[in-house]
Amino acid sequence: MAVAIPTAVIVGAIAVSALAAAGGAYAAYAASEAQANAINYQRRQTRIQEKQARDAAIAAAEIVHERNQRVLAAQRAALGASGVTTTEGTSLIDQMDAAVEAKLEEERIRVAGETAATGFASQGKLFRWQAGQVRQGGYIGAGTTLLGGVSRAALGYYDYSRGTGAGGTTTTTPTYTGGDYR
C-alpha cells in the first residue's frame, strides 16, 4: 500500500541531510585540528628537551673542565714539590697525556649532549610532519563528508523533482512504496 508523503517532509528531509553533512564535515575538521594541536604540543616539548640537552652538556663539560684543571695543577705542584723537572722527559709526557685525556673527556660530554639534542630536533621535525598530515586528513575527511551529504541531498531533490511538471507545480504527490519514491 502506497503512502503519500507531504512535500514539506521531503524538503525538510533534504535540508536535514545537507545540515547533517555540514555537521559531519565540521566534526571531521575539529577532530583533526585537536589531534594536530596535541602533536604540536609534543613538538614544543621536544624543543624544550633539545635545549635542555645542549645546556646540560655544556654545564657538565664546564664542570669536568674545571675539575681537570685542578687535577692537572695538583699534579704539577706535586711534581714541582718533589724536585722533578716538569718541562722535559717522562713527567712532561705524563702531563701532556693527562691534558689530552681531560680534553677528550670534555669533548665526549659535549658530543653526547649534541647527539641527544639532535635526536630531540629530529623528533620535533617528525611531529611537525605528523601534524600537517593529520590536518590534511581532516580537510579531506571534511570535504568528502560534505560532498557525500550534498550528493545525498541532491539525489533526494532529484527524486522529489521527478514528480513535478514543466511549470514546477506538483502533478503527483510522491509516495513511499517501500523502496523508493514514485
C-alpha atoms as a PDB file:
ATOM      1  CA  MET A   1       0.000   0.000   0.000  1.00  0.00           C
ATOM      2  CA  ALA A   2       1.457   3.335  -1.059  1.00  0.00           C
ATOM      3  CA  VAL A   3       1.502   6.166   1.461  1.00  0.00           C
ATOM      4  CA  ALA A   4       1.533   9.805   0.304  1.00  0.00           C
ATOM      5  CA  ILE A   5       4.417  11.827   1.739  1.00  0.00           C
ATOM      6  CA  PRO A   6       3.817  15.566   2.133  1.00  0.00           C
ATOM      7  CA  THR A   7       6.112  17.869   0.141  1.00  0.00           C
ATOM      8  CA  ALA A   8       7.220  19.706   3.297  1.00  0.00           C
ATOM      9  CA  VAL A   9       8.510  16.440   4.801  1.00  0.00           C
ATOM     10  CA  ILE A  10      10.547  15.689   1.704  1.00  0.00           C
ATOM     11  CA  VAL A  11      12.040  19.185   1.556  1.00  0.00           C
ATOM     12  CA  GLY A  12      12.744  19.006   5.289  1.00  0.00           C
ATOM     13  CA  ALA A  13      14.497  15.648   4.870  1.00  0.00           C
ATOM     14  CA  ILE A  14      16.669  17.100   2.107  1.00  0.00           C
ATOM     15  CA  ALA A  15      17.558  20.088   4.303  1.00  0.00           C
ATOM     16  CA  VAL A  16      18.356  17.844   7.274  1.00  0.00           C
ATOM     17  CA  SER A  17      20.586  15.714   5.051  1.00  0.00           C
ATOM     18  CA  ALA A  18      22.530  18.819   3.981  1.00  0.00           C
ATOM     19  CA  LEU A  19      22.835  20.030   7.598  1.00  0.00           C
ATOM     20  CA  ALA A  20      23.995  16.609   8.746  1.00  0.00           C
ATOM     21  CA  ALA A  21      26.680  16.680   6.066  1.00  0.00           C
ATOM     22  CA  ALA A  22      27.841  20.102   7.250  1.00  0.00           C
ATOM     23  CA  GLY A  23      27.900  18.915  10.858  1.00  0.00           C
ATOM     24  CA  GLY A  24      29.847  15.780   9.938  1.00  0.00           C
ATOM     25  CA  ALA A  25      32.325  17.831   7.934  1.00  0.00           C
ATOM     26  CA  TYR A  26      32.883  20.201  10.857  1.00  0.00           C
ATOM     27  CA  ALA A  27      33.298  17.263  13.246  1.00  0.00           C
ATOM     28  CA  ALA A  28      35.990  15.737  10.997  1.00  0.00           C
ATOM     29  CA  TYR A  29      37.765  19.090  10.761  1.00  0.00           C
ATOM     30  CA  ALA A  30      37.562  19.776  14.516  1.00  0.00           C
ATOM     31  CA  ALA A  31      38.857  16.306  15.391  1.00  0.00           C
ATOM     32  CA  SER A  32      41.844  16.684  13.085  1.00  0.00           C
ATOM     33  CA  GLU A  33      42.622  20.139  14.489  1.00  0.00           C
ATOM     34  CA  ALA A  34      42.516  18.818  18.054  1.00  0.00           C
ATOM     35  CA  GLN A  35      44.855  15.968  17.180  1.00  0.00           C
ATOM     36  CA  ALA A  36      47.201  18.307  15.279  1.00  0.00           C
ATOM     37  CA  ASN A  37      47.278  20.669  18.277  1.00  0.00           C
ATOM     38  CA  ALA A  38      48.203  17.761  20.567  1.00  0.00           C
ATOM     39  CA  ILE A  39      51.025  16.781  18.211  1.00  0.00           C
ATOM     40  CA  ASN A  40      52.239  20.396  18.089  1.00  0.00           C
ATOM     41  CA  TYR A  41      52.331  20.414  21.900  1.00  0.00           C
ATOM     42  CA  GLN A  42      54.596  17.374  21.757  1.00  0.00           C
ATOM     43  CA  ARG A  43      56.754  19.179  19.190  1.00  0.00           C
ATOM     44  CA  ARG A  44      57.134  22.159  21.539  1.00  0.00           C
ATOM     45  CA  GLN A  45      58.151  19.784  24.323  1.00  0.00           C
ATOM     46  CA  THR A  46      60.904  18.306  22.133  1.00  0.00           C
ATOM     47  CA  ARG A  47      62.244  21.817  21.506  1.00  0.00           C
ATOM     48  CA  ILE A  48      62.492  22.307  25.271  1.00  0.00           C
ATOM     49  CA  GLN A  49      64.203  18.925  25.668  1.00  0.00           C
ATOM     50  CA  GLU A  50      66.605  19.774  22.834  1.00  0.00           C
ATOM     51  CA  LYS A  51      67.665  22.996  24.577  1.00  0.00           C
ATOM     52  CA  GLN A  52      67.934  21.249  27.951  1.00  0.00           C
ATOM     53  CA  ALA A  53      70.174  18.534  26.477  1.00  0.00           C
ATOM     54  CA  ARG A  54      72.525  21.124  24.989  1.00  0.00           C
ATOM     55  CA  ASP A  55      72.583  23.237  28.147  1.00  0.00           C
ATOM     56  CA  ALA A  56      73.185  20.211  30.379  1.00  0.00           C
ATOM     57  CA  ALA A  57      76.078  19.031  28.198  1.00  0.00           C
ATOM     58  CA  ILE A  58      77.693  22.471  28.236  1.00  0.00           C
ATOM     59  CA  ALA A  59      77.347  22.702  32.023  1.00  0.00           C
ATOM     60  CA  ALA A  60      78.681  19.183  32.562  1.00  0.00           C
ATOM     61  CA  ALA A  61      81.644  19.826  30.237  1.00  0.00           C
ATOM     62  CA  GLU A  62      82.464  23.049  32.115  1.00  0.00           C
ATOM     63  CA  ILE A  63      82.358  21.209  35.455  1.00  0.00           C
ATOM     64  CA  VAL A  64      84.639  18.474  34.116  1.00  0.00           C
ATOM     65  CA  HIS A  65      86.975  21.110  32.633  1.00  0.00           C
ATOM     66  CA  GLU A  66      87.301  22.890  35.986  1.00  0.00           C
ATOM     67  CA  ARG A  67      87.894  19.586  37.781  1.00  0.00           C
ATOM     68  CA  ASN A  68      90.530  18.540  35.233  1.00  0.00           C
ATOM     69  CA  GLN A  69      92.302  21.886  35.542  1.00  0.00           C
ATOM     70  CA  ARG A  70      92.507  21.407  39.323  1.00  0.00           C
ATOM     71  CA  VAL A  71      93.842  17.842  38.924  1.00  0.00           C
ATOM     72  CA  LEU A  72      96.487  18.934  36.406  1.00  0.00           C
ATOM     73  CA  ALA A  73      97.526  21.842  38.634  1.00  0.00           C
ATOM     74  CA  ALA A  74      97.794  19.494  41.618  1.00  0.00           C
ATOM     75  CA  GLN A  75      99.961  17.112  39.562  1.00  0.00           C
ATOM     76  CA  ARG A  76     102.274  19.949  38.533  1.00  0.00           C
ATOM     77  CA  ALA A  77     102.513  21.147  42.131  1.00  0.00           C
ATOM     78  CA  ALA A  78     103.304  17.653  43.411  1.00  0.00           C
ATOM     79  CA  LEU A  79     105.952  17.133  40.763  1.00  0.00           C
ATOM     80  CA  GLY A  80     107.468  20.554  41.480  1.00  0.00           C
ATOM     81  CA  ALA A  81     107.496  19.923  45.223  1.00  0.00           C
ATOM     82  CA  SER A  82     109.322  16.634  44.735  1.00  0.00           C
ATOM     83  CA  GLY A  83     112.032  18.314  42.697  1.00  0.00           C
ATOM     84  CA  VAL A  84     111.151  16.648  39.397  1.00  0.00           C
ATOM     85  CA  THR A  85     111.634  18.769  36.299  1.00  0.00           C
ATOM     86  CA  THR A  86     108.196  19.239  34.713  1.00  0.00           C
ATOM     87  CA  THR A  87     109.334  20.783  31.434  1.00  0.00           C
ATOM     88  CA  GLU A  88     111.061  17.753  29.931  1.00  0.00           C
ATOM     89  CA  GLY A  89     111.189  13.972  29.907  1.00  0.00           C
ATOM     90  CA  THR A  90     108.681  11.481  31.281  1.00  0.00           C
ATOM     91  CA  SER A  91     106.927  13.943  33.590  1.00  0.00           C
ATOM     92  CA  LEU A  92     106.205  16.259  30.662  1.00  0.00           C
ATOM     93  CA  ILE A  93     104.846  13.351  28.591  1.00  0.00           C
ATOM     94  CA  ASP A  94     102.670  12.223  31.509  1.00  0.00           C
ATOM     95  CA  GLN A  95     101.267  15.739  31.944  1.00  0.00           C
ATOM     96  CA  MET A  96     100.562  16.010  28.215  1.00  0.00           C
ATOM     97  CA  ASP A  97      98.770  12.646  28.245  1.00  0.00           C
ATOM     98  CA  ALA A  98      96.671  13.715  31.221  1.00  0.00           C
ATOM     99  CA  ALA A  99      95.774  17.004  29.494  1.00  0.00           C
ATOM    100  CA  VAL A 100      94.778  15.181  26.288  1.00  0.00           C
ATOM    101  CA  GLU A 101      92.624  12.695  28.256  1.00  0.00           C
ATOM    102  CA  ALA A 102      90.968  15.590  30.107  1.00  0.00           C
ATOM    103  CA  LYS A 103      90.171  17.360  26.831  1.00  0.00           C
ATOM    104  CA  LEU A 104      88.775  14.121  25.312  1.00  0.00           C
ATOM    105  CA  GLU A 105      86.515  13.643  28.345  1.00  0.00           C
ATOM    106  CA  GLU A 106      85.138  17.149  27.917  1.00  0.00           C
ATOM    107  CA  GLU A 107      84.535  16.590  24.196  1.00  0.00           C
ATOM    108  CA  ARG A 108      82.757  13.261  24.818  1.00  0.00           C
ATOM    109  CA  ILE A 109      80.335  15.064  27.116  1.00  0.00           C
ATOM    110  CA  ARG A 110      79.709  17.803  24.550  1.00  0.00           C
ATOM    111  CA  VAL A 111      79.184  15.300  21.724  1.00  0.00           C
ATOM    112  CA  ALA A 112      76.806  13.203  23.831  1.00  0.00           C
ATOM    113  CA  GLY A 113      74.746  16.308  24.610  1.00  0.00           C
ATOM    114  CA  GLU A 114      74.714  17.404  20.977  1.00  0.00           C
ATOM    115  CA  THR A 115      73.683  13.898  19.903  1.00  0.00           C
ATOM    116  CA  ALA A 116      70.772  13.919  22.356  1.00  0.00           C
ATOM    117  CA  ALA A 117      69.759  17.416  21.212  1.00  0.00           C
ATOM    118  CA  THR A 118      69.861  16.324  17.570  1.00  0.00           C
ATOM    119  CA  GLY A 119      67.605  13.383  18.415  1.00  0.00           C
ATOM    120  CA  PHE A 120      65.076  15.717  20.000  1.00  0.00           C
ATOM    121  CA  ALA A 121      65.280  18.051  16.986  1.00  0.00           C
ATOM    122  CA  SER A 122      64.594  15.140  14.625  1.00  0.00           C
ATOM    123  CA  GLN A 123      61.671  14.037  16.742  1.00  0.00           C
ATOM    124  CA  GLY A 124      60.314  17.602  16.622  1.00  0.00           C
ATOM    125  CA  LYS A 125      60.530  17.591  12.818  1.00  0.00           C
ATOM    126  CA  LEU A 126      58.629  14.301  12.738  1.00  0.00           C
ATOM    127  CA  PHE A 127      55.920  15.774  14.970  1.00  0.00           C
ATOM    128  CA  ARG A 128      55.663  18.784  12.662  1.00  0.00           C
ATOM    129  CA  TRP A 129      55.174  16.488   9.652  1.00  0.00           C
ATOM    130  CA  GLN A 130      52.611  14.378  11.525  1.00  0.00           C
ATOM    131  CA  ALA A 131      50.591  17.457  12.478  1.00  0.00           C
ATOM    132  CA  GLY A 132      50.466  18.501   8.822  1.00  0.00           C
ATOM    133  CA  GLN A 133      49.349  15.033   7.761  1.00  0.00           C
ATOM    134  CA  VAL A 134      46.606  14.954  10.395  1.00  0.00           C
ATOM    135  CA  ARG A 135      45.355  18.370   9.311  1.00  0.00           C
ATOM    136  CA  GLN A 136      45.363  17.344   5.663  1.00  0.00           C
ATOM    137  CA  GLY A 137      43.465  14.160   6.520  1.00  0.00           C
ATOM    138  CA  GLY A 138      40.922  16.229   8.424  1.00  0.00           C
ATOM    139  CA  TYR A 139      40.405  18.531   5.455  1.00  0.00           C
ATOM    140  CA  ILE A 140      39.961  15.563   3.141  1.00  0.00           C
ATOM    141  CA  GLY A 141      37.578  13.881   5.582  1.00  0.00           C
ATOM    142  CA  ALA A 142      35.552  17.060   5.988  1.00  0.00           C
ATOM    143  CA  GLY A 143      35.407  17.564   2.230  1.00  0.00           C
ATOM    144  CA  THR A 144      34.305  14.022   1.458  1.00  0.00           C
ATOM    145  CA  THR A 145      31.690  14.112   4.222  1.00  0.00           C
ATOM    146  CA  LEU A 146      30.329  17.368   2.890  1.00  0.00           C
ATOM    147  CA  LEU A 147      30.323  16.136  -0.715  1.00  0.00           C
ATOM    148  CA  GLY A 148      28.595  12.906   0.288  1.00  0.00           C
ATOM    149  CA  GLY A 149      25.888  14.803   2.152  1.00  0.00           C
ATOM    150  CA  VAL A 150      25.357  17.264  -0.659  1.00  0.00           C
ATOM    151  CA  SER A 151      25.162  14.349  -3.071  1.00  0.00           C
ATOM    152  CA  ARG A 152      22.506  12.652  -0.923  1.00  0.00           C
ATOM    153  CA  ALA A 153      20.560  15.907  -0.680  1.00  0.00           C
ATOM    154  CA  ALA A 154      20.787  16.402  -4.457  1.00  0.00           C
ATOM    155  CA  LEU A 155      19.559  12.868  -5.078  1.00  0.00           C
ATOM    156  CA  GLY A 156      16.708  13.487  -2.666  1.00  0.00           C
ATOM    157  CA  TYR A 157      15.810  16.655  -4.528  1.00  0.00           C
ATOM    158  CA  TYR A 158      16.065  14.830  -7.848  1.00  0.00           C
ATOM    159  CA  ASP A 159      13.741  12.093  -6.622  1.00  0.00           C
ATOM    160  CA  TYR A 160      11.347  14.775  -5.383  1.00  0.00           C
ATOM    161  CA  SER A 161      11.513  16.748  -8.612  1.00  0.00           C
ATOM    162  CA  ARG A 162      10.606  13.731 -10.770  1.00  0.00           C
ATOM    163  CA  GLY A 163       7.023  14.360  -9.688  1.00  0.00           C
ATOM    164  CA  THR A 164       6.942  17.973 -10.962  1.00  0.00           C
ATOM    165  CA  GLY A 165       5.654  19.190 -14.307  1.00  0.00           C
ATOM    166  CA  ALA A 166       7.182  21.743 -16.659  1.00  0.00           C
ATOM    167  CA  GLY A 167       5.666  24.613 -14.733  1.00  0.00           C
ATOM    168  CA  GLY A 168       7.257  23.486 -11.480  1.00  0.00           C
ATOM    169  CA  THR A 169       3.972  22.519  -9.855  1.00  0.00           C
ATOM    170  CA  THR A 170       3.456  19.106  -8.383  1.00  0.00           C
ATOM    171  CA  THR A 171       1.377  16.941 -10.665  1.00  0.00           C
ATOM    172  CA  THR A 172       1.535  13.872  -8.454  1.00  0.00           C
ATOM    173  CA  THR A 173       2.282  13.508  -4.783  1.00  0.00           C
ATOM    174  CA  PRO A 174       5.389  11.351  -4.236  1.00  0.00           C
ATOM    175  CA  THR A 175       4.517   8.169  -2.412  1.00  0.00           C
ATOM    176  CA  TYR A 176       6.665   5.743  -0.493  1.00  0.00           C
ATOM    177  CA  THR A 177       6.280   2.153  -1.693  1.00  0.00           C
ATOM    178  CA  GLY A 178       8.921   0.528   0.484  1.00  0.00           C
ATOM    179  CA  GLY A 179      11.884   1.008  -1.848  1.00  0.00           C
ATOM    180  CA  ASP A 180      11.880   4.453  -3.405  1.00  0.00           C
ATOM    181  CA  TYR A 181       9.711   7.428  -4.159  1.00  0.00           C
ATOM    182  CA  ARG A 182       7.316   7.147  -7.145  1.00  0.00           C
END
